[in-house]
PDB file of N, CA and C in Angstrom:
ATOM      1  N   UNK A   1       0.840  -1.176   0.000  1.00  0.00           N
ATOM      2  CA  UNK A   1       0.000   0.000   0.000  1.00  0.00           C
ATOM      3  C   UNK A   1       0.885   1.238   0.000  1.00  0.00           C
ATOM      4  N   UNK A   2       0.662   2.110  -0.932  1.00  0.00           N
ATOM      5  CA  UNK A   2       1.476   3.304  -1.088  1.00  0.00           C
ATOM      6  C   UNK A   2       0.758   4.493  -0.481  1.00  0.00           C
ATOM      7  N   UNK A   3       1.359   5.107   0.551  1.00  0.00           N
ATOM      8  CA  UNK A   3       0.715   6.253   1.162  1.00  0.00           C
ATOM      9  C   UNK A   3       1.561   7.519   1.069  1.00  0.00           C
ATOM     10  N   UNK A   4       2.509   7.559   0.122  1.00  0.00           N
ATOM     11  CA  UNK A   4       3.385   8.709  -0.018  1.00  0.00           C
ATOM     12  C   UNK A   4       2.692   9.886  -0.701  1.00  0.00           C
ATOM     13  N   UNK A   5       1.707   9.625  -1.549  1.00  0.00           N
ATOM     14  CA  UNK A   5       1.065  10.694  -2.302  1.00  0.00           C
ATOM     15  C   UNK A   5      -0.064  11.378  -1.546  1.00  0.00           C
ATOM     16  N   UNK A   6      -0.639  10.708  -0.581  1.00  0.00           N
ATOM     17  CA  UNK A   6      -1.820  11.200   0.132  1.00  0.00           C
ATOM     18  C   UNK A   6      -1.645  10.865   1.604  1.00  0.00           C
ATOM     19  N   UNK A   7      -1.882  11.831   2.477  1.00  0.00           N
ATOM     20  CA  UNK A   7      -1.660  11.638   3.907  1.00  0.00           C
ATOM     21  C   UNK A   7      -3.006  11.567   4.621  1.00  0.00           C
ATOM     22  N   UNK A   8      -3.136  10.604   5.502  1.00  0.00           N
ATOM     23  CA  UNK A   8      -4.320  10.419   6.317  1.00  0.00           C
ATOM     24  C   UNK A   8      -3.983  10.892   7.725  1.00  0.00           C
ATOM     25  N   UNK A   9      -4.692  11.930   8.214  1.00  0.00           N
ATOM     26  CA  UNK A   9      -4.409  12.454   9.548  1.00  0.00           C
ATOM     27  C   UNK A   9      -4.823  11.433  10.606  1.00  0.00           C
ATOM     28  N   UNK A  10      -4.261  11.540  11.812  1.00  0.00           N
ATOM     29  CA  UNK A  10      -4.666  10.632  12.888  1.00  0.00           C
ATOM     30  C   UNK A  10      -6.168  10.688  13.183  1.00  0.00           C
ATOM     31  N   UNK A  11      -6.773  11.871  13.115  1.00  0.00           N
ATOM     32  CA  UNK A  11      -8.217  11.967  13.394  1.00  0.00           C
ATOM     33  C   UNK A  11      -9.041  11.303  12.288  1.00  0.00           C
ATOM     34  N   UNK A  12      -8.606  11.416  11.041  1.00  0.00           N
ATOM     35  CA  UNK A  12      -9.306  10.742   9.941  1.00  0.00           C
ATOM     36  C   UNK A  12      -9.147   9.235  10.061  1.00  0.00           C
ATOM     37  N   UNK A  13      -7.945   8.791  10.383  1.00  0.00           N
ATOM     38  CA  UNK A  13      -7.723   7.356  10.553  1.00  0.00           C
ATOM     39  C   UNK A  13      -8.601   6.800  11.671  1.00  0.00           C
ATOM     40  N   UNK A  14      -8.676   7.514  12.782  1.00  0.00           N
ATOM     41  CA  UNK A  14      -9.498   7.062  13.908  1.00  0.00           C
ATOM     42  C   UNK A  14     -10.975   7.002  13.531  1.00  0.00           C
ATOM     43  N   UNK A  15     -11.446   8.005  12.783  1.00  0.00           N
ATOM     44  CA  UNK A  15     -12.862   8.016  12.392  1.00  0.00           C
ATOM     45  C   UNK A  15     -13.182   6.883  11.424  1.00  0.00           C
ATOM     46  N   UNK A  16     -12.310   6.618  10.468  1.00  0.00           N
ATOM     47  CA  UNK A  16     -12.529   5.510   9.524  1.00  0.00           C
ATOM     48  C   UNK A  16     -12.579   4.194  10.292  1.00  0.00           C
ATOM     49  N   UNK A  17     -11.659   3.996  11.228  1.00  0.00           N
ATOM     50  CA  UNK A  17     -11.657   2.766  12.019  1.00  0.00           C
ATOM     51  C   UNK A  17     -12.922   2.648  12.855  1.00  0.00           C
ATOM     52  N   UNK A  18     -13.402   3.760  13.370  1.00  0.00           N
ATOM     53  CA  UNK A  18     -14.648   3.759  14.140  1.00  0.00           C
ATOM     54  C   UNK A  18     -15.827   3.343  13.259  1.00  0.00           C
ATOM     55  N   UNK A  19     -15.903   3.902  12.054  1.00  0.00           N
ATOM     56  CA  UNK A  19     -16.972   3.539  11.114  1.00  0.00           C
ATOM     57  C   UNK A  19     -16.862   2.064  10.741  1.00  0.00           C
ATOM     58  N   UNK A  20     -15.638   1.606  10.477  1.00  0.00           N
ATOM     59  CA  UNK A  20     -15.423   0.212  10.088  1.00  0.00           C
ATOM     60  C   UNK A  20     -15.780  -0.758  11.213  1.00  0.00           C
ATOM     61  N   UNK A  21     -15.727  -0.322  12.447  1.00  0.00           N
ATOM     62  CA  UNK A  21     -15.998  -1.217  13.574  1.00  0.00           C
ATOM     63  C   UNK A  21     -17.468  -1.631  13.658  1.00  0.00           C
ATOM     64  N   UNK A  22     -18.342  -0.909  12.997  1.00  0.00           N
ATOM     65  CA  UNK A  22     -19.758  -1.283  12.947  1.00  0.00           C
ATOM     66  C   UNK A  22     -19.885  -2.531  12.076  1.00  0.00           C
ATOM     67  N   UNK A  23     -20.713  -3.469  12.482  1.00  0.00           N
ATOM     68  CA  UNK A  23     -20.798  -4.763  11.799  1.00  0.00           C
ATOM     69  C   UNK A  23     -21.123  -4.650  10.318  1.00  0.00           C
ATOM     70  N   UNK A  24     -21.950  -3.681   9.930  1.00  0.00           N
ATOM     71  CA  UNK A  24     -22.296  -3.544   8.516  1.00  0.00           C
ATOM     72  C   UNK A  24     -21.171  -2.919   7.690  1.00  0.00           C
ATOM     73  N   UNK A  25     -20.145  -2.391   8.340  1.00  0.00           N
ATOM     74  CA  UNK A  25     -19.053  -1.716   7.637  1.00  0.00           C
ATOM     75  C   UNK A  25     -17.708  -2.426   7.774  1.00  0.00           C
ATOM     76  N   UNK A  26     -17.670  -3.579   8.366  1.00  0.00           N
ATOM     77  CA  UNK A  26     -16.415  -4.245   8.709  1.00  0.00           C
ATOM     78  C   UNK A  26     -15.485  -4.449   7.503  1.00  0.00           C
ATOM     79  N   UNK A  27     -16.040  -4.706   6.320  1.00  0.00           N
ATOM     80  CA  UNK A  27     -15.231  -4.941   5.123  1.00  0.00           C
ATOM     81  C   UNK A  27     -15.138  -3.728   4.207  1.00  0.00           C
ATOM     82  N   UNK A  28     -15.549  -2.579   4.706  1.00  0.00           N
ATOM     83  CA  UNK A  28     -15.562  -1.375   3.869  1.00  0.00           C
ATOM     84  C   UNK A  28     -14.382  -0.466   4.191  1.00  0.00           C
ATOM     85  N   UNK A  29     -14.151   0.474   3.314  1.00  0.00           N
ATOM     86  CA  UNK A  29     -13.113   1.487   3.469  1.00  0.00           C
ATOM     87  C   UNK A  29     -13.680   2.802   2.950  1.00  0.00           C
ATOM     88  N   UNK A  30     -13.038   3.898   3.276  1.00  0.00           N
ATOM     89  CA  UNK A  30     -13.448   5.199   2.761  1.00  0.00           C
ATOM     90  C   UNK A  30     -12.922   5.349   1.347  1.00  0.00           C
ATOM     91  N   UNK A  31     -13.801   5.695   0.413  1.00  0.00           N
ATOM     92  CA  UNK A  31     -13.399   5.977  -0.966  1.00  0.00           C
ATOM     93  C   UNK A  31     -13.569   7.480  -1.192  1.00  0.00           C
ATOM     94  N   UNK A  32     -12.517   8.100  -1.725  1.00  0.00           N
ATOM     95  CA  UNK A  32     -12.569   9.518  -2.089  1.00  0.00           C
ATOM     96  C   UNK A  32     -12.520   9.616  -3.602  1.00  0.00           C
ATOM     97  N   UNK A  33     -13.432  10.392  -4.164  1.00  0.00           N
ATOM     98  CA  UNK A  33     -13.457  10.621  -5.609  1.00  0.00           C
ATOM     99  C   UNK A  33     -13.416  12.114  -5.884  1.00  0.00           C
ATOM    100  N   UNK A  34     -12.960  12.459  -7.062  1.00  0.00           N
ATOM    101  CA  UNK A  34     -13.006  13.831  -7.556  1.00  0.00           C
ATOM    102  C   UNK A  34     -13.796  13.790  -8.853  1.00  0.00           C
ATOM    103  N   UNK A  35     -14.807  14.658  -8.956  1.00  0.00           N
ATOM    104  CA  UNK A  35     -15.617  14.711 -10.171  1.00  0.00           C
ATOM    105  C   UNK A  35     -15.856  16.160 -10.556  1.00  0.00           C
ATOM    106  N   UNK A  36     -16.240  16.359 -11.809  1.00  0.00           N
ATOM    107  CA  UNK A  36     -16.573  17.698 -12.270  1.00  0.00           C
ATOM    108  C   UNK A  36     -17.838  18.181 -11.584  1.00  0.00           C
ATOM    109  N   UNK A  37     -17.863  19.459 -11.254  1.00  0.00           N
ATOM    110  CA  UNK A  37     -19.053  20.024 -10.621  1.00  0.00           C
ATOM    111  C   UNK A  37     -18.678  20.909  -9.453  1.00  0.00           C
ATOM    112  N   UNK A  38     -19.667  21.259  -8.676  1.00  0.00           N
ATOM    113  CA  UNK A  38     -19.435  22.159  -7.556  1.00  0.00           C
ATOM    114  C   UNK A  38     -19.292  23.587  -8.047  1.00  0.00           C
ATOM    115  N   UNK A  39     -19.175  24.511  -7.131  1.00  0.00           N
ATOM    116  CA  UNK A  39     -19.117  25.917  -7.520  1.00  0.00           C
ATOM    117  C   UNK A  39     -17.742  26.360  -8.002  1.00  0.00           C
ATOM    118  N   UNK A  40     -16.713  25.515  -7.831  1.00  0.00           N
ATOM    119  CA  UNK A  40     -15.367  25.895  -8.267  1.00  0.00           C
ATOM    120  C   UNK A  40     -14.812  25.031  -9.389  1.00  0.00           C
ATOM    121  N   UNK A  41     -15.566  24.067  -9.889  1.00  0.00           N
ATOM    122  CA  UNK A  41     -15.103  23.272 -11.021  1.00  0.00           C
ATOM    123  C   UNK A  41     -14.996  21.782 -10.748  1.00  0.00           C
ATOM    124  N   UNK A  42     -14.440  21.404  -9.604  1.00  0.00           N
ATOM    125  CA  UNK A  42     -14.334  19.999  -9.205  1.00  0.00           C
ATOM    126  C   UNK A  42     -14.893  19.861  -7.800  1.00  0.00           C
ATOM    127  N   UNK A  43     -15.376  18.660  -7.484  1.00  0.00           N
ATOM    128  CA  UNK A  43     -15.865  18.443  -6.130  1.00  0.00           C
ATOM    129  C   UNK A  43     -15.395  17.092  -5.605  1.00  0.00           C
ATOM    130  N   UNK A  44     -15.239  17.030  -4.284  1.00  0.00           N
ATOM    131  CA  UNK A  44     -14.844  15.802  -3.616  1.00  0.00           C
ATOM    132  C   UNK A  44     -16.083  14.972  -3.318  1.00  0.00           C
ATOM    133  N   UNK A  45     -15.924  13.664  -3.373  1.00  0.00           N
ATOM    134  CA  UNK A  45     -16.976  12.746  -2.963  1.00  0.00           C
ATOM    135  C   UNK A  45     -16.410  11.750  -1.966  1.00  0.00           C
ATOM    136  N   UNK A  46     -17.198  11.423  -0.952  1.00  0.00           N
ATOM    137  CA  UNK A  46     -16.786  10.483   0.090  1.00  0.00           C
ATOM    138  C   UNK A  46     -17.848   9.400   0.208  1.00  0.00           C
ATOM    139  N   UNK A  47     -17.427   8.147   0.257  1.00  0.00           N
ATOM    140  CA  UNK A  47     -18.376   7.052   0.457  1.00  0.00           C
ATOM    141  C   UNK A  47     -17.655   5.881   1.110  1.00  0.00           C
ATOM    142  N   UNK A  48     -18.425   5.025   1.753  1.00  0.00           N
ATOM    143  CA  UNK A  48     -17.877   3.772   2.272  1.00  0.00           C
ATOM    144  C   UNK A  48     -18.093   2.728   1.190  1.00  0.00           C
ATOM    145  N   UNK A  49     -17.052   1.979   0.858  1.00  0.00           N
ATOM    146  CA  UNK A  49     -17.085   1.073  -0.283  1.00  0.00           C
ATOM    147  C   UNK A  49     -16.394  -0.244   0.067  1.00  0.00           C
ATOM    148  N   UNK A  50     -16.891  -1.337  -0.482  1.00  0.00           N
ATOM    149  CA  UNK A  50     -16.244  -2.637  -0.311  1.00  0.00           C
ATOM    150  C   UNK A  50     -15.337  -2.993  -1.480  1.00  0.00           C
ATOM    151  N   UNK A  51     -15.649  -2.460  -2.639  1.00  0.00           N
ATOM    152  CA  UNK A  51     -14.946  -2.835  -3.862  1.00  0.00           C
ATOM    153  C   UNK A  51     -13.594  -2.128  -3.958  1.00  0.00           C
ATOM    154  N   UNK A  52     -12.597  -2.882  -4.389  1.00  0.00           N
ATOM    155  CA  UNK A  52     -11.265  -2.320  -4.626  1.00  0.00           C
ATOM    156  C   UNK A  52     -10.837  -2.722  -6.023  1.00  0.00           C
ATOM    157  N   UNK A  53     -10.563  -1.732  -6.854  1.00  0.00           N
ATOM    158  CA  UNK A  53     -10.096  -1.972  -8.218  1.00  0.00           C
ATOM    159  C   UNK A  53      -8.583  -2.186  -8.209  1.00  0.00           C
ATOM    160  N   UNK A  54      -8.076  -2.884  -9.213  1.00  0.00           N
ATOM    161  CA  UNK A  54      -6.641  -3.167  -9.296  1.00  0.00           C
ATOM    162  C   UNK A  54      -5.789  -1.904  -9.335  1.00  0.00           C
ATOM    163  N   UNK A  55      -6.301  -0.841  -9.974  1.00  0.00           N
ATOM    164  CA  UNK A  55      -5.509   0.377 -10.110  1.00  0.00           C
ATOM    165  C   UNK A  55      -5.843   1.436  -9.052  1.00  0.00           C
ATOM    166  N   UNK A  56      -6.615   1.077  -8.027  1.00  0.00           N
ATOM    167  CA  UNK A  56      -6.906   2.018  -6.943  1.00  0.00           C
ATOM    168  C   UNK A  56      -5.644   2.307  -6.148  1.00  0.00           C
ATOM    169  N   UNK A  57      -5.526   3.526  -5.702  1.00  0.00           N
ATOM    170  CA  UNK A  57      -4.495   3.939  -4.764  1.00  0.00           C
ATOM    171  C   UNK A  57      -5.032   3.586  -3.378  1.00  0.00           C
ATOM    172  N   UNK A  58      -4.228   2.914  -2.551  1.00  0.00           N
ATOM    173  CA  UNK A  58      -4.703   2.401  -1.269  1.00  0.00           C
ATOM    174  C   UNK A  58      -3.859   2.926  -0.122  1.00  0.00           C
ATOM    175  N   UNK A  59      -4.521   3.271   0.984  1.00  0.00           N
ATOM    176  CA  UNK A  59      -3.835   3.660   2.214  1.00  0.00           C
ATOM    177  C   UNK A  59      -4.346   2.748   3.319  1.00  0.00           C
ATOM    178  N   UNK A  60      -3.441   2.219   4.110  1.00  0.00           N
ATOM    179  CA  UNK A  60      -3.832   1.365   5.219  1.00  0.00           C
ATOM    180  C   UNK A  60      -2.671   1.090   6.133  1.00  0.00           C
ATOM    181  N   UNK A  61      -2.970   0.316   7.155  1.00  0.00           N
ATOM    182  CA  UNK A  61      -1.942  -0.090   8.113  1.00  0.00           C
ATOM    183  C   UNK A  61      -2.106  -1.567   8.385  1.00  0.00           C
ATOM    184  N   UNK A  62      -0.997  -2.259   8.456  1.00  0.00           N
ATOM    185  CA  UNK A  62      -1.014  -3.694   8.756  1.00  0.00           C
ATOM    186  C   UNK A  62      -1.941  -4.446   7.806  1.00  0.00           C
ATOM    187  N   UNK A  63      -1.836  -4.134   6.536  1.00  0.00           N
ATOM    188  CA  UNK A  63      -2.626  -4.784   5.477  1.00  0.00           C
ATOM    189  C   UNK A  63      -4.117  -4.489   5.534  1.00  0.00           C
ATOM    190  N   UNK A  64      -4.557  -3.642   6.466  1.00  0.00           N
ATOM    191  CA  UNK A  64      -5.962  -3.228   6.506  1.00  0.00           C
ATOM    192  C   UNK A  64      -6.113  -1.975   5.649  1.00  0.00           C
ATOM    193  N   UNK A  65      -6.960  -2.041   4.637  1.00  0.00           N
ATOM    194  CA  UNK A  65      -7.173  -0.883   3.770  1.00  0.00           C
ATOM    195  C   UNK A  65      -8.185   0.047   4.428  1.00  0.00           C
ATOM    196  N   UNK A  66      -7.784   1.295   4.599  1.00  0.00           N
ATOM    197  CA  UNK A  66      -8.643   2.287   5.228  1.00  0.00           C
ATOM    198  C   UNK A  66      -9.250   3.236   4.210  1.00  0.00           C
ATOM    199  N   UNK A  67      -8.506   3.517   3.135  1.00  0.00           N
ATOM    200  CA  UNK A  67      -8.934   4.536   2.177  1.00  0.00           C
ATOM    201  C   UNK A  67      -8.493   4.134   0.781  1.00  0.00           C
ATOM    202  N   UNK A  68      -9.331   4.389  -0.215  1.00  0.00           N
ATOM    203  CA  UNK A  68      -8.952   4.179  -1.612  1.00  0.00           C
ATOM    204  C   UNK A  68      -9.313   5.410  -2.430  1.00  0.00           C
ATOM    205  N   UNK A  69      -8.548   5.590  -3.500  1.00  0.00           N
ATOM    206  CA  UNK A  69      -8.790   6.666  -4.465  1.00  0.00           C
ATOM    207  C   UNK A  69      -8.574   6.065  -5.844  1.00  0.00           C
ATOM    208  N   UNK A  70      -9.475   6.345  -6.764  1.00  0.00           N
ATOM    209  CA  UNK A  70      -9.327   5.796  -8.114  1.00  0.00           C
ATOM    210  C   UNK A  70      -8.160   6.455  -8.838  1.00  0.00           C
ATOM    211  N   UNK A  71      -7.716   5.829  -9.912  1.00  0.00           N
ATOM    212  CA  UNK A  71      -6.502   6.259 -10.613  1.00  0.00           C
ATOM    213  C   UNK A  71      -6.636   7.630 -11.274  1.00  0.00           C
ATOM    214  N   UNK A  72      -7.839   8.065 -11.580  1.00  0.00           N
ATOM    215  CA  UNK A  72      -8.032   9.403 -12.160  1.00  0.00           C
ATOM    216  C   UNK A  72      -8.033  10.461 -11.058  1.00  0.00           C
ATOM    217  N   UNK A  73      -8.754  10.200  -9.983  1.00  0.00           N
ATOM    218  CA  UNK A  73      -8.875  11.182  -8.893  1.00  0.00           C
ATOM    219  C   UNK A  73      -7.559  11.439  -8.182  1.00  0.00           C
ATOM    220  N   UNK A  74      -6.673  10.433  -8.119  1.00  0.00           N
ATOM    221  CA  UNK A  74      -5.426  10.598  -7.371  1.00  0.00           C
ATOM    222  C   UNK A  74      -4.575  11.732  -7.930  1.00  0.00           C
ATOM    223  N   UNK A  75      -4.676  12.002  -9.227  1.00  0.00           N
ATOM    224  CA  UNK A  75      -3.904  13.106  -9.813  1.00  0.00           C
ATOM    225  C   UNK A  75      -4.308  14.460  -9.219  1.00  0.00           C
ATOM    226  N   UNK A  76      -5.558  14.599  -8.787  1.00  0.00           N
ATOM    227  CA  UNK A  76      -6.037  15.840  -8.178  1.00  0.00           C
ATOM    228  C   UNK A  76      -5.737  15.900  -6.679  1.00  0.00           C
ATOM    229  N   UNK A  77      -5.345  14.777  -6.099  1.00  0.00           N
ATOM    230  CA  UNK A  77      -5.190  14.686  -4.651  1.00  0.00           C
ATOM    231  C   UNK A  77      -3.746  14.493  -4.190  1.00  0.00           C
ATOM    232  N   UNK A  78      -2.795  14.601  -5.117  1.00  0.00           N
ATOM    233  CA  UNK A  78      -1.388  14.435  -4.740  1.00  0.00           C
ATOM    234  C   UNK A  78      -0.995  15.474  -3.691  1.00  0.00           C
ATOM    235  N   UNK A  79      -0.294  15.019  -2.666  1.00  0.00           N
ATOM    236  CA  UNK A  79       0.202  15.856  -1.567  1.00  0.00           C
ATOM    237  C   UNK A  79      -0.898  16.388  -0.663  1.00  0.00           C
ATOM    238  N   UNK A  80      -2.099  15.856  -0.758  1.00  0.00           N
ATOM    239  CA  UNK A  80      -3.210  16.304   0.079  1.00  0.00           C
ATOM    240  C   UNK A  80      -3.193  15.598   1.435  1.00  0.00           C
ATOM    241  N   UNK A  81      -3.814  16.247   2.390  1.00  0.00           N
ATOM    242  CA  UNK A  81      -4.025  15.657   3.704  1.00  0.00           C
ATOM    243  C   UNK A  81      -5.523  15.445   3.875  1.00  0.00           C
ATOM    244  N   UNK A  82      -5.909  14.206   4.177  1.00  0.00           N
ATOM    245  CA  UNK A  82      -7.303  13.893   4.481  1.00  0.00           C
ATOM    246  C   UNK A  82      -7.442  13.994   5.997  1.00  0.00           C
ATOM    247  N   UNK A  83      -8.349  14.854   6.436  1.00  0.00           N
ATOM    248  CA  UNK A  83      -8.534  15.109   7.857  1.00  0.00           C
ATOM    249  C   UNK A  83      -9.991  14.866   8.234  1.00  0.00           C
ATOM    250  N   UNK A  84     -10.258  14.689   9.508  1.00  0.00           N
ATOM    251  CA  UNK A  84     -11.619  14.610  10.015  1.00  0.00           C
ATOM    252  C   UNK A  84     -11.730  15.661  11.095  1.00  0.00           C
ATOM    253  N   UNK A  85     -12.668  16.575  10.935  1.00  0.00           N
ATOM    254  CA  UNK A  85     -12.816  17.683  11.877  1.00  0.00           C
ATOM    255  C   UNK A  85     -14.212  17.687  12.482  1.00  0.00           C
ATOM    256  N   UNK A  86     -14.273  18.194  13.700  1.00  0.00           N
ATOM    257  CA  UNK A  86     -15.546  18.440  14.387  1.00  0.00           C
ATOM    258  C   UNK A  86     -15.516  19.884  14.844  1.00  0.00           C
ATOM    259  N   UNK A  87     -16.479  20.669  14.371  1.00  0.00           N
ATOM    260  CA  UNK A  87     -16.566  22.062  14.776  1.00  0.00           C
ATOM    261  C   UNK A  87     -18.034  22.477  14.838  1.00  0.00           C
ATOM    262  N   UNK A  88     -18.296  23.755  14.969  1.00  0.00           N
ATOM    263  CA  UNK A  88     -19.674  24.231  15.064  1.00  0.00           C
ATOM    264  C   UNK A  88     -20.505  23.880  13.832  1.00  0.00           C
ATOM    265  N   UNK A  89     -19.855  23.713  12.689  1.00  0.00           N
ATOM    266  CA  UNK A  89     -20.551  23.368  11.450  1.00  0.00           C
ATOM    267  C   UNK A  89     -20.878  21.891  11.338  1.00  0.00           C
ATOM    268  N   UNK A  90     -20.348  21.070  12.240  1.00  0.00           N
ATOM    269  CA  UNK A  90     -20.596  19.628  12.215  1.00  0.00           C
ATOM    270  C   UNK A  90     -19.293  18.856  12.172  1.00  0.00           C
ATOM    271  N   UNK A  91     -19.418  17.570  11.925  1.00  0.00           N
ATOM    272  CA  UNK A  91     -18.265  16.678  11.815  1.00  0.00           C
ATOM    273  C   UNK A  91     -18.193  16.166  10.388  1.00  0.00           C
ATOM    274  N   UNK A  92     -16.986  16.183   9.794  1.00  0.00           N
ATOM    275  CA  UNK A  92     -16.862  15.831   8.390  1.00  0.00           C
ATOM    276  C   UNK A  92     -15.410  15.567   8.017  1.00  0.00           C
ATOM    277  N   UNK A  93     -15.247  14.803   6.923  1.00  0.00           N
ATOM    278  CA  UNK A  93     -13.920  14.630   6.345  1.00  0.00           C
ATOM    279  C   UNK A  93     -13.598  15.874   5.541  1.00  0.00           C
ATOM    280  N   UNK A  94     -12.357  16.307   5.621  1.00  0.00           N
ATOM    281  CA  UNK A  94     -11.912  17.529   4.948  1.00  0.00           C
ATOM    282  C   UNK A  94     -10.615  17.230   4.207  1.00  0.00           C
ATOM    283  N   UNK A  95     -10.511  17.756   2.995  1.00  0.00           N
ATOM    284  CA  UNK A  95      -9.289  17.619   2.193  1.00  0.00           C
ATOM    285  C   UNK A  95      -8.524  18.936   2.252  1.00  0.00           C
ATOM    286  N   UNK A  96      -7.293  18.885   2.714  1.00  0.00           N
ATOM    287  CA  UNK A  96      -6.396  20.038   2.653  1.00  0.00           C
ATOM    288  C   UNK A  96      -5.552  19.846   1.403  1.00  0.00           C
ATOM    289  N   UNK A  97      -5.917  20.585   0.343  1.00  0.00           N
ATOM    290  CA  UNK A  97      -5.329  20.376  -0.972  1.00  0.00           C
ATOM    291  C   UNK A  97      -4.412  21.542  -1.346  1.00  0.00           C
ATOM    292  N   UNK A  98      -3.093  21.346  -1.273  1.00  0.00           N
ATOM    293  CA  UNK A  98      -2.163  22.425  -1.629  1.00  0.00           C
ATOM    294  C   UNK A  98      -2.150  22.733  -3.128  1.00  0.00           C
ATOM    295  N   UNK A  99      -2.749  21.855  -3.939  1.00  0.00           N
ATOM    296  CA  UNK A  99      -2.783  22.056  -5.388  1.00  0.00           C
ATOM    297  C   UNK A  99      -3.943  22.924  -5.840  1.00  0.00           C
ATOM    298  N   UNK A 100      -4.919  23.139  -4.967  1.00  0.00           N
ATOM    299  CA  UNK A 100      -6.117  23.908  -5.341  1.00  0.00           C
ATOM    300  C   UNK A 100      -5.769  25.388  -5.459  1.00  0.00           C
ATOM    301  N   UNK A 101      -6.143  25.972  -6.580  1.00  0.00           N
ATOM    302  CA  UNK A 101      -5.933  27.410  -6.788  1.00  0.00           C
ATOM    303  C   UNK A 101      -7.081  28.216  -6.197  1.00  0.00           C
ATOM    304  N   UNK A 102      -8.298  27.642  -6.267  1.00  0.00           N
ATOM    305  CA  UNK A 102      -9.499  28.286  -5.755  1.00  0.00           C
ATOM    306  C   UNK A 102     -10.318  27.221  -5.034  1.00  0.00           C
ATOM    307  N   UNK A 103     -10.875  27.581  -3.883  1.00  0.00           N
ATOM    308  CA  UNK A 103     -11.801  26.699  -3.192  1.00  0.00           C
ATOM    309  C   UNK A 103     -13.062  27.482  -2.865  1.00  0.00           C
ATOM    310  N   UNK A 104     -14.159  26.759  -2.689  1.00  0.00           N
ATOM    311  CA  UNK A 104     -15.405  27.430  -2.340  1.00  0.00           C
ATOM    312  C   UNK A 104     -15.481  27.595  -0.826  1.00  0.00           C
ATOM    313  N   UNK A 105     -16.450  28.340  -0.360  1.00  0.00           N
ATOM    314  CA  UNK A 105     -16.602  28.591   1.053  1.00  0.00           C
ATOM    315  C   UNK A 105     -16.870  27.345   1.874  1.00  0.00           C
ATOM    316  N   UNK A 106     -17.572  26.386   1.306  1.00  0.00           N
ATOM    317  CA  UNK A 106     -17.895  25.163   2.067  1.00  0.00           C
ATOM    318  C   UNK A 106     -16.740  24.181   2.064  1.00  0.00           C
ATOM    319  N   UNK A 107     -15.751  24.347   1.204  1.00  0.00           N
ATOM    320  CA  UNK A 107     -14.581  23.483   1.185  1.00  0.00           C
ATOM    321  C   UNK A 107     -14.750  22.180   0.449  1.00  0.00           C
ATOM    322  N   UNK A 108     -15.900  21.991  -0.217  1.00  0.00           N
ATOM    323  CA  UNK A 108     -16.102  20.711  -0.909  1.00  0.00           C
ATOM    324  C   UNK A 108     -15.866  20.800  -2.406  1.00  0.00           C
ATOM    325  N   UNK A 109     -15.562  21.988  -2.928  1.00  0.00           N
ATOM    326  CA  UNK A 109     -15.209  22.068  -4.336  1.00  0.00           C
ATOM    327  C   UNK A 109     -13.958  22.952  -4.514  1.00  0.00           C
ATOM    328  N   UNK A 110     -13.292  22.758  -5.658  1.00  0.00           N
ATOM    329  CA  UNK A 110     -12.020  23.435  -5.879  1.00  0.00           C
ATOM    330  C   UNK A 110     -11.724  23.511  -7.360  1.00  0.00           C
ATOM    331  N   UNK A 111     -10.706  24.287  -7.720  1.00  0.00           N
ATOM    332  CA  UNK A 111     -10.192  24.286  -9.088  1.00  0.00           C
ATOM    333  C   UNK A 111      -8.681  24.257  -9.010  1.00  0.00           C
ATOM    334  N   UNK A 112      -8.070  23.723 -10.087  1.00  0.00           N
ATOM    335  CA  UNK A 112      -6.604  23.626 -10.136  1.00  0.00           C
ATOM    336  C   UNK A 112      -6.068  24.413 -11.295  1.00  0.00           C
TER     337      UNK A 112
END
């Protein structure tokens, strides 16, 4: 598992493990996608997924896969930090993307 291109913060790792600990999620991992749309051009998508494609980028520990990104989306996420935050706005996964030239106010869309 190669985790040099994308960093998973300790809080994100803990939250993924917490979600996975539920019986219906035991074999799932967090999948992050980038697609066209949003107010800035591209938007992030987050889902729990069981399927792993051969060309997926994988992050995990001790052979446990915690996060996957498809081969197209990884180009937009190089050097990013995946974080999990809890604040007055709620609790959510957040991407800190140093490659983004513009981001929207909600933080879920960007342009490069």
